[in-house]
Amino acid sequence: MSGRVGFVDALLAAPAGVALLGMLEARVRDGVHWWEVPTDSDPQPVSAAAEAVSARTFGSLLAAAVDAAAFRVGPWIPSAADELVKAYRHADARAPIAQAIDDRFGRELHRGFDVDAQEWWTSHEPGDELRVTPGFRSLDRVYGAGQHTE
């Protein structure tokens, strides 16, 4: 890696970070599925991906980061090692995307925890989020690592 320091370097060193950068490049490339980490890097899509960061919301960035970490390179993903090899191989080429993330969201990424800024994400139908569910109080409806059966 180059002599960059701080958040950009951290993003280029982290498995979830390089996966996120690869996915953001993939989203603006023709012929590559958005969920794939490209096998190469192209300066034009990297520039387009860096520019596209300016139109993202903080929540959409976090959603993409969670997706990259959990469903692309998570420890239970069979192809994670291969995806990480591709991601790390071209991490430095994607540094402009990391810099754009730092420029756009640096303040939000480094501020303290703010309960009022939290968002509720749900896959329920609109209005269902108002329904109170028993969560872990009904342990007969929970299995394995805490997944709900409903």
Protein backbone atom coordinates (compact mmCIF):
# COMPACT_ATOMS: atom_id res chain seq x y z
CA MET A 1 0.00 0.00 0.00
CA SER A 2 1.00 3.60 -0.40
CA GLY A 3 1.80 6.05 2.36
CA ARG A 4 -1.83 7.05 2.94
CA VAL A 5 -2.88 7.15 6.57
CA GLY A 6 -6.12 7.13 8.46
CA PHE A 7 -9.50 5.96 7.30
CA VAL A 8 -8.57 5.37 3.66
CA ASP A 9 -5.72 3.06 4.66
CA ALA A 10 -7.96 1.27 7.15
CA LEU A 11 -10.60 0.70 4.47
CA LEU A 12 -7.96 -0.63 2.06
CA ALA A 13 -6.66 -3.03 4.73
CA ALA A 14 -9.98 -4.40 6.02
CA PRO A 15 -11.63 -7.43 4.39
CA ALA A 16 -15.05 -5.78 4.54
CA GLY A 17 -13.54 -2.54 3.24
CA VAL A 18 -11.95 -4.00 0.12
CA ALA A 19 -15.09 -6.04 -0.56
CA LEU A 20 -17.19 -2.87 -0.28
CA LEU A 21 -14.89 -0.99 -2.67
CA GLY A 22 -15.05 -3.84 -5.20
CA MET A 23 -18.82 -3.96 -4.98
CA LEU A 24 -19.12 -0.19 -5.44
CA GLU A 25 -16.98 -0.42 -8.57
CA ALA A 26 -19.07 -3.36 -9.82
CA ARG A 27 -22.26 -1.30 -9.49
CA VAL A 28 -21.11 1.10 -12.20
CA ARG A 29 -19.50 -1.44 -14.55
CA ASP A 30 -21.13 -3.02 -17.57
CA GLY A 31 -21.05 -6.80 -17.67
CA VAL A 32 -20.39 -7.22 -13.95
CA HIS A 33 -23.12 -8.07 -11.45
CA TRP A 34 -23.37 -5.51 -8.65
CA TRP A 35 -22.80 -8.17 -6.00
CA GLU A 36 -19.56 -9.43 -7.54
CA VAL A 37 -16.08 -8.24 -6.77
CA PRO A 38 -14.59 -7.63 -10.24
CA THR A 39 -11.57 -9.72 -11.23
CA ASP A 40 -9.83 -6.55 -12.41
CA SER A 41 -10.11 -2.82 -11.89
CA ASP A 42 -10.75 -0.15 -14.48
CA PRO A 43 -9.94 3.53 -13.85
CA GLN A 44 -13.12 4.82 -15.52
CA PRO A 45 -15.54 2.79 -13.37
CA VAL A 46 -13.43 3.57 -10.31
CA SER A 47 -13.87 7.29 -11.05
CA ALA A 48 -17.58 6.77 -11.69
CA ALA A 49 -17.94 4.83 -8.43
CA ALA A 50 -16.09 7.55 -6.51
CA GLU A 51 -18.38 10.16 -8.03
CA ALA A 52 -21.47 8.05 -7.24
CA VAL A 53 -20.54 8.12 -3.55
CA SER A 54 -21.58 11.79 -3.47
CA ALA A 55 -25.18 10.80 -4.29
CA ARG A 56 -25.39 8.09 -1.61
CA THR A 57 -27.02 8.50 1.74
CA PHE A 58 -25.16 7.46 4.86
CA GLY A 59 -27.70 4.67 5.41
CA SER A 60 -27.18 3.29 1.89
CA LEU A 61 -23.42 3.27 2.44
CA LEU A 62 -23.84 1.37 5.69
CA ALA A 63 -26.24 -1.08 4.04
CA ALA A 64 -23.69 -1.75 1.30
CA ALA A 65 -20.92 -2.19 3.90
CA VAL A 66 -23.00 -4.67 5.89
CA ASP A 67 -23.87 -6.54 2.70
CA ALA A 68 -20.21 -6.74 1.70
CA ALA A 69 -19.12 -7.92 5.15
CA ALA A 70 -21.92 -10.40 5.79
CA PHE A 71 -22.91 -11.79 2.42
CA ARG A 72 -19.82 -11.43 0.23
CA VAL A 73 -16.83 -12.14 2.47
CA GLY A 74 -18.37 -13.41 5.69
CA PRO A 75 -16.83 -16.51 7.28
CA TRP A 76 -19.80 -18.68 6.25
CA ILE A 77 -19.61 -17.73 2.56
CA PRO A 78 -17.90 -20.51 0.58
CA SER A 79 -16.46 -18.11 -2.03
CA ALA A 80 -15.22 -15.53 0.53
CA ALA A 81 -11.53 -16.38 0.22
CA ASP A 82 -11.63 -16.12 -3.57
CA GLU A 83 -13.57 -12.84 -3.40
CA LEU A 84 -11.03 -11.40 -0.97
CA VAL A 85 -8.11 -12.36 -3.18
CA LYS A 86 -9.74 -10.42 -6.04
CA ALA A 87 -10.59 -7.51 -3.75
CA TYR A 88 -7.12 -7.16 -2.23
CA ARG A 89 -5.39 -7.58 -5.59
CA HIS A 90 -7.02 -4.34 -6.81
CA ALA A 91 -7.49 -2.47 -3.53
CA ASP A 92 -4.97 0.28 -4.29
CA ALA A 93 -6.62 0.93 -7.67
CA ARG A 94 -9.88 1.53 -5.80
CA ALA A 95 -8.34 4.01 -3.35
CA PRO A 96 -10.22 6.92 -5.01
CA ILE A 97 -13.50 5.28 -3.95
CA ALA A 98 -12.21 4.98 -0.37
CA GLN A 99 -11.14 8.63 -0.46
CA ALA A 100 -14.59 9.66 -1.75
CA ILE A 101 -16.21 7.76 1.14
CA ASP A 102 -13.93 9.54 3.61
CA ASP A 103 -14.59 12.92 1.99
CA ARG A 104 -18.37 12.44 1.92
CA PHE A 105 -18.98 10.54 5.17
CA GLY A 106 -15.85 11.07 7.28
CA ARG A 107 -17.61 13.25 9.83
CA GLU A 108 -20.49 10.78 10.22
CA LEU A 109 -18.17 7.76 10.34
CA HIS A 110 -16.06 9.24 13.13
CA ARG A 111 -18.66 10.91 15.32
CA GLY A 112 -19.86 9.35 18.54
CA PHE A 113 -22.90 7.13 18.88
CA ASP A 114 -26.15 9.05 18.38
CA VAL A 115 -29.30 7.19 19.40
CA ASP A 116 -31.53 9.75 17.65
CA ALA A 117 -29.83 9.03 14.30
CA GLN A 118 -30.66 5.33 14.39
CA GLU A 119 -32.85 3.87 11.65
CA TRP A 120 -35.24 0.94 11.84
CA TRP A 121 -34.78 -1.48 8.94
CA THR A 122 -37.33 -4.21 8.52
CA SER A 123 -38.48 -6.68 5.94
CA HIS A 124 -42.04 -6.60 7.26
CA GLU A 125 -44.91 -5.00 5.42
CA PRO A 126 -45.35 -1.26 6.03
CA GLY A 127 -47.01 -0.75 9.40
CA ASP A 128 -45.89 -4.12 10.79
CA GLU A 129 -42.96 -2.49 12.56
CA LEU A 130 -45.50 -1.14 15.06
CA ARG A 131 -46.43 -4.67 16.04
CA VAL A 132 -44.57 -5.78 19.14
CA THR A 133 -42.97 -9.19 18.80
CA PRO A 134 -41.88 -11.33 21.72
CA GLY A 135 -38.29 -11.62 20.45
CA PHE A 136 -36.29 -13.93 22.65
CA ARG A 137 -38.96 -14.26 25.30
CA SER A 138 -40.56 -17.14 23.37
CA LEU A 139 -37.51 -19.32 23.06
CA ASP A 140 -39.54 -22.12 21.45
CA ARG A 141 -39.80 -19.83 18.38
CA VAL A 142 -36.03 -19.35 18.14
CA TYR A 143 -33.44 -21.84 16.91
CA GLY A 144 -29.72 -22.12 16.24
CA ALA A 145 -27.87 -18.85 16.64
CA GLY A 146 -31.00 -16.88 17.50
CA GLN A 147 -32.85 -16.84 14.17
CA HIS A 148 -36.57 -16.44 14.46
CA THR A 149 -38.70 -19.10 12.83
CA GLU A 150 -41.31 -16.59 11.68
